[in-house]
Every structure is written in structure tokens, then in C-alpha cells.
Amino acid sequence: FLPANKIILDAIKESDFLFKVTFSISGVILDLLEKYRPDVIASFQQLVRTGCIDILGETYHHSLSSLHSEKEFERQVFLHTVKIKTLFDIEPVIFRNTELIHNNHIATLVRRLGFKGLLCEGSQKILQSSEVNRIYKSPGEEGITVFLRNNALSDDISFRFGKQEWQEHPLTAEKFATWIHSHTVQTEVVNIFIDYETFGIYKDISSGIFDFLAQLPRSILNNDNWSFQTARALLSDQIDYPVYD
């Protein structure tokens, strides 16, 4: 976490605070870090103070409570919100369920808990011919904003990066940026959501993953038509988004 956090902090400063990142951090890992590695907590707090970081709401544990018990789900979400507020002075407004598990009932529960948006998987089964790189809303008059993970581009980093048998190997920041820049003007948002363990655990330093992370922000920002934003900043009650049902 510490090497990746430093790279992100440097990228924020070098981009004149144009690089934005949203983290999803469970209460369990925060408990462990507070007990054994408070320096990592301090590193995340330093990032938050830049004003370029947001943190998603979620269940306190990496749990399946949303499928088991509404009461337990609400309890865990409340505990997590308190934890994030206490440590980072951020009140989450976007929700991320465990493993991006989603259905319309969960969306309703999340809205009732006060969240204004949620992140879930861009499922082709649901999208069919619709575009993953758009912003949607959940069904109903009071549906909340739905942001979809671009699984293809996210998995290019999480799973395919560094694999020599992959036809796109080696994946450089410049190449990845051209894939982003190639999207049409109809694209509203491209959500790259990956496990933070990708940097240094799933992909060790010899893979070049840290160099990729360091170079990616400037590679994206080299095109003036593209910018980084947190999901919070993209919330709007004035736009009639299509329904993700």
C-alpha cells in the first residue's frame, strides 16, 4: 500500500491536483492497519487531505449480508460509514457492495440508507446492446445513480498485465491511454476499478506495475478531452439517466 500511495500522491501533485482516485476500504482492513500499521492509515489520510480522494461506502466486513439480512446489512453499512468519517472526515455518498453484487432490491436498500449512487459490474447480460461507459439510474422514481465498472479495461490491468502470452503484452501506460482516448464523444465515464493488491502483491515490482501506475495519470491527461473525477463529483439530480434494470 505504501509504495502505491506515494506514487498516487506524487501524481496528484505533479498533475496540479487533476488526478483523482476513489478508494474502497473495508472496516476490517482499517482495524488491522490501526492495530499493526498506523503508518499506512496516516498515508491514506495524507492522500485524503489533497482533496483529490474519495472513499466509497460498503459493508464493514467483506460480507454477503445484503443477500442474507437487511438488518445486518444496514448495521454493517452504518458501522463502516462511522469508521470512514472518524478516520478520514469523509461521509461516503457512493456505495460499493461486496464483489459488486447488485440487484434492484439492494439498490433500494442503499438509497434508503442515504446513498446517492452505487458502483456495480457492467454486466453485458443486463446491458445487452447498451453502453457500459454511461451513467445509469436504478428503477423507480427515486432511483439512485448507477456507475458501471468497465470490466474489460479493469481486467487488462488486474489480470492480463505482465502476461507474456497476451497479445497486447507489454501493456504500457501510453498504450492504455490510447485505448481510453479512442472512446467516442458519447462516452460519459470510464470506470476503472481494480483490487489495490494489484500493485505489489498480484503483480510484483519486477512486472513494471508501479511504473505503469506512475505514468498513467499524465498519459491520460495528455489529451485535453479527458479528465479524472470521483463518482461523487459526477452525481447529478438534473439528468434523466437511462435505467439499469
Protein backbone atom coordinates (compact mmCIF):
# COMPACT_ATOMS: atom_id res chain seq x y z
CA PHE A 1 0.00 0.00 0.00
CA LEU A 2 2.72 2.49 0.93
CA PRO A 3 4.59 2.46 -2.43
CA ALA A 4 1.34 2.79 -4.38
CA ASN A 5 0.10 5.56 -2.09
CA LYS A 6 3.31 7.52 -2.61
CA ILE A 7 3.05 7.16 -6.38
CA ILE A 8 -0.56 8.40 -6.28
CA LEU A 9 0.37 11.32 -4.03
CA ASP A 10 3.22 12.32 -6.34
CA ALA A 11 0.92 12.01 -9.38
CA ILE A 12 -1.68 14.26 -7.74
CA LYS A 13 0.92 16.94 -7.09
CA GLU A 14 2.59 16.62 -10.50
CA SER A 15 -0.79 16.93 -12.25
CA ASP A 16 -1.58 20.11 -10.31
CA PHE A 17 -4.27 18.17 -8.43
CA LEU A 18 -6.06 16.97 -11.56
CA PHE A 19 -5.53 13.28 -10.81
CA LYS A 20 -8.44 11.88 -8.78
CA VAL A 21 -8.81 8.46 -7.12
CA THR A 22 -11.62 6.77 -5.24
CA PHE A 23 -10.80 4.07 -2.69
CA SER A 24 -12.95 1.28 -1.32
CA ILE A 25 -11.58 0.16 2.06
CA SER A 26 -13.34 -2.30 4.36
CA GLY A 27 -13.65 -1.73 8.09
CA VAL A 28 -11.78 -4.96 8.75
CA ILE A 29 -8.61 -3.85 6.96
CA LEU A 30 -8.83 -0.47 8.65
CA ASP A 31 -8.99 -2.21 12.04
CA LEU A 32 -5.91 -4.26 11.19
CA LEU A 33 -4.00 -1.24 9.92
CA GLU A 34 -4.87 0.79 13.01
CA LYS A 35 -3.57 -2.01 15.23
CA TYR A 36 -0.47 -3.09 13.32
CA ARG A 37 0.40 -0.42 10.72
CA PRO A 38 -0.86 3.04 11.70
CA ASP A 39 1.68 4.48 9.25
CA VAL A 40 -0.49 3.13 6.42
CA ILE A 41 -3.55 4.86 7.88
CA ALA A 42 -1.50 8.07 8.03
CA SER A 43 -0.54 7.59 4.37
CA PHE A 44 -4.19 7.33 3.32
CA GLN A 45 -5.04 10.37 5.45
CA GLN A 46 -2.31 12.33 3.69
CA LEU A 47 -3.87 11.41 0.37
CA VAL A 48 -7.33 12.46 1.54
CA ARG A 49 -6.00 15.88 2.57
CA THR A 50 -5.15 16.63 -1.07
CA GLY A 51 -8.86 16.95 -1.83
CA CYS A 52 -8.46 14.56 -4.75
CA ILE A 53 -9.56 11.39 -2.96
CA ASP A 54 -12.98 9.96 -2.22
CA ILE A 55 -13.89 6.81 -0.29
CA LEU A 56 -16.82 4.56 -1.07
CA GLY A 57 -19.29 3.24 1.45
CA GLU A 58 -19.63 -0.53 1.87
CA THR A 59 -20.31 -3.21 4.44
CA TYR A 60 -17.89 -3.14 7.36
CA HIS A 61 -16.88 -6.72 6.65
CA HIS A 62 -16.34 -8.24 3.22
CA SER A 63 -19.69 -9.91 3.71
CA LEU A 64 -22.77 -11.23 1.92
CA SER A 65 -25.14 -9.56 4.36
CA SER A 66 -27.04 -7.86 1.51
CA LEU A 67 -28.24 -11.32 0.45
CA HIS A 68 -28.97 -12.58 3.94
CA SER A 69 -30.36 -9.95 6.30
CA GLU A 70 -31.48 -6.37 5.69
CA LYS A 71 -30.93 -5.56 9.37
CA GLU A 72 -27.38 -6.92 9.39
CA PHE A 73 -26.64 -5.22 6.09
CA GLU A 74 -27.78 -1.86 7.45
CA ARG A 75 -25.78 -2.39 10.66
CA GLN A 76 -22.57 -3.09 8.80
CA VAL A 77 -23.02 -0.18 6.40
CA PHE A 78 -23.65 2.19 9.30
CA LEU A 79 -20.54 0.95 11.15
CA HIS A 80 -18.43 1.45 8.03
CA THR A 81 -19.75 4.96 7.46
CA VAL A 82 -18.85 5.89 11.03
CA LYS A 83 -15.36 4.43 10.59
CA ILE A 84 -14.67 6.38 7.39
CA LYS A 85 -16.00 9.56 8.95
CA THR A 86 -13.85 9.07 12.05
CA LEU A 87 -10.59 8.29 10.26
CA PHE A 88 -10.87 10.45 7.15
CA ASP A 89 -13.61 13.02 7.81
CA ILE A 90 -15.43 11.78 4.70
CA GLU A 91 -19.08 10.78 4.66
CA PRO A 92 -19.48 8.27 1.81
CA VAL A 93 -22.24 9.04 -0.70
CA ILE A 94 -21.43 6.30 -3.26
CA PHE A 95 -21.83 2.65 -2.27
CA ARG A 96 -19.92 -0.45 -3.36
CA ASN A 97 -21.30 -3.82 -2.32
CA THR A 98 -19.10 -6.86 -1.72
CA GLU A 99 -17.76 -8.15 -5.06
CA LEU A 100 -20.08 -5.59 -6.72
CA ILE A 101 -23.11 -7.82 -6.01
CA HIS A 102 -26.16 -5.93 -7.22
CA ASN A 103 -29.88 -6.18 -7.83
CA ASN A 104 -32.79 -3.77 -7.73
CA HIS A 105 -33.64 -4.62 -4.13
CA ILE A 106 -30.10 -3.85 -2.98
CA ALA A 107 -30.28 -0.54 -4.86
CA THR A 108 -33.45 0.30 -2.91
CA LEU A 109 -31.79 -0.59 0.41
CA VAL A 110 -28.76 1.53 -0.46
CA ARG A 111 -30.96 4.51 -1.34
CA ARG A 112 -32.86 4.17 1.94
CA LEU A 113 -29.53 4.33 3.78
CA GLY A 114 -28.92 7.76 2.28
CA PHE A 115 -26.52 6.97 -0.53
CA LYS A 116 -26.89 8.89 -3.79
CA GLY A 117 -25.13 6.42 -6.06
CA LEU A 118 -23.60 2.97 -6.29
CA LEU A 119 -20.94 1.15 -8.26
CA CYS A 120 -21.66 -2.28 -9.76
CA GLU A 121 -20.42 -4.55 -12.52
CA GLY A 122 -21.16 -3.59 -16.11
CA SER A 123 -22.96 -6.85 -16.86
CA GLN A 124 -23.48 -7.49 -20.57
CA LYS A 125 -26.46 -9.69 -19.66
CA ILE A 126 -28.21 -6.59 -18.35
CA LEU A 127 -26.72 -4.07 -20.75
CA GLN A 128 -27.27 -6.19 -23.87
CA SER A 129 -26.56 -3.63 -26.59
CA SER A 130 -26.31 -0.65 -24.21
CA GLU A 131 -23.03 1.10 -23.42
CA VAL A 132 -21.02 0.28 -20.30
CA ASN A 133 -19.36 3.71 -20.31
CA ARG A 134 -22.53 5.58 -19.40
CA ILE A 135 -24.17 6.66 -16.17
CA TYR A 136 -27.47 4.99 -15.30
CA LYS A 137 -30.08 5.05 -12.56
CA SER A 138 -31.81 2.25 -10.69
CA PRO A 139 -35.53 1.65 -11.41
CA GLY A 140 -38.22 3.77 -9.78
CA GLU A 141 -38.92 7.45 -9.42
CA GLU A 142 -36.36 7.74 -6.62
CA GLY A 143 -33.75 5.52 -8.23
CA ILE A 144 -30.15 6.32 -7.37
CA THR A 145 -27.28 6.90 -9.80
CA VAL A 146 -25.54 3.75 -11.01
CA PHE A 147 -21.90 3.72 -12.13
CA LEU A 148 -20.69 0.64 -14.01
CA ARG A 149 -17.25 -0.93 -13.82
CA ASN A 150 -15.62 -1.31 -17.23
CA ASN A 151 -14.58 -4.91 -16.66
CA ALA A 152 -12.55 -5.29 -19.88
CA LEU A 153 -10.23 -2.35 -19.23
CA SER A 154 -10.07 -3.01 -15.48
CA ASP A 155 -9.13 -6.66 -16.05
CA ASP A 156 -6.46 -5.64 -18.56
CA ILE A 157 -4.62 -4.22 -15.56
CA SER A 158 -5.71 -6.65 -12.85
CA PHE A 159 -5.31 -9.94 -14.72
CA ARG A 160 -3.64 -9.55 -18.10
CA PHE A 161 -0.88 -7.07 -17.25
CA GLY A 162 2.51 -8.77 -17.37
CA LYS A 163 1.31 -11.95 -19.10
CA GLN A 164 3.72 -12.57 -21.95
CA GLU A 165 1.23 -14.76 -23.83
CA TRP A 166 -1.23 -11.83 -24.02
CA GLN A 167 -1.26 -10.31 -27.49
CA GLU A 168 -1.10 -6.79 -26.02
CA HIS A 169 1.98 -7.54 -23.90
CA PRO A 170 3.72 -5.40 -22.81
CA LEU A 171 0.98 -3.06 -21.66
CA THR A 172 2.35 0.44 -21.23
CA ALA A 173 0.62 3.48 -19.79
CA GLU A 174 0.77 5.15 -23.20
CA LYS A 175 -0.92 2.20 -24.89
CA PHE A 176 -3.62 2.02 -22.22
CA ALA A 177 -4.21 5.75 -22.55
CA THR A 178 -4.77 5.41 -26.31
CA TRP A 179 -7.47 2.82 -25.56
CA ILE A 180 -9.15 5.32 -23.24
CA HIS A 181 -8.78 8.18 -25.70
CA SER A 182 -10.26 6.12 -28.53
CA HIS A 183 -13.73 6.17 -26.95
CA THR A 184 -16.30 8.29 -28.75
CA VAL A 185 -17.67 11.62 -27.61
CA GLN A 186 -20.82 9.79 -26.43
CA THR A 187 -18.78 8.20 -23.64
CA GLU A 188 -19.78 9.69 -20.28
CA VAL A 189 -17.38 7.92 -17.95
CA VAL A 190 -14.90 5.03 -17.98
CA ASN A 191 -14.73 3.40 -14.54
CA ILE A 192 -11.51 1.52 -13.86
CA PHE A 193 -11.98 -0.41 -10.62
CA ILE A 194 -9.32 -2.90 -9.54
CA ASP A 195 -8.00 -4.59 -6.41
CA TYR A 196 -5.36 -2.41 -4.78
CA GLU A 197 -3.33 -5.57 -4.21
CA THR A 198 -2.66 -5.49 -7.96
CA PHE A 199 0.15 -3.07 -7.15
CA GLY A 200 2.90 -5.08 -5.49
CA ILE A 201 1.10 -8.28 -4.49
CA TYR A 202 -0.70 -9.73 -7.50
CA LYS A 203 1.89 -8.01 -9.71
CA ASP A 204 5.31 -7.59 -8.12
CA ILE A 205 7.71 -4.75 -8.79
CA SER A 206 9.56 -6.69 -11.49
CA SER A 207 6.40 -6.72 -13.63
CA GLY A 208 6.61 -2.96 -14.12
CA ILE A 209 3.23 -2.36 -12.49
CA PHE A 210 4.49 0.53 -10.35
CA ASP A 211 5.98 2.28 -13.38
CA PHE A 212 2.65 1.79 -15.15
CA LEU A 213 0.79 3.40 -12.25
CA ALA A 214 3.21 6.33 -12.11
CA GLN A 215 2.97 7.06 -15.83
CA LEU A 216 -0.76 6.51 -16.34
CA PRO A 217 -2.11 9.83 -14.98
CA ARG A 218 -0.02 12.03 -17.24
CA SER A 219 -0.65 9.70 -20.20
CA ILE A 220 -4.42 10.11 -19.76
CA LEU A 221 -4.21 13.86 -19.12
CA ASN A 222 -2.11 14.44 -22.25
CA ASN A 223 -5.44 14.51 -24.07
CA ASP A 224 -7.36 17.66 -23.08
CA ASN A 225 -10.68 15.93 -23.75
CA TRP A 226 -10.17 13.62 -20.81
CA SER A 227 -10.05 14.22 -17.07
CA PHE A 228 -10.18 12.30 -13.81
CA GLN A 229 -13.16 12.60 -11.48
CA THR A 230 -14.55 10.85 -8.47
CA ALA A 231 -18.04 9.39 -8.77
CA ARG A 232 -19.21 11.89 -6.12
CA ALA A 233 -18.31 14.75 -8.45
CA LEU A 234 -20.37 13.22 -11.28
CA LEU A 235 -23.61 12.99 -9.31
CA SER A 236 -26.47 14.98 -10.76
CA ASP A 237 -30.18 15.06 -9.96
CA GLN A 238 -30.89 17.11 -13.05
CA ILE A 239 -30.15 14.48 -15.69
CA ASP A 240 -32.62 11.80 -16.77
CA TYR A 241 -30.23 8.84 -16.96
CA PRO A 242 -31.34 5.57 -18.60
CA VAL A 243 -32.39 2.76 -16.26
CA TYR A 244 -30.03 -0.07 -15.34
CA ASP A 245 -32.58 -2.76 -14.50
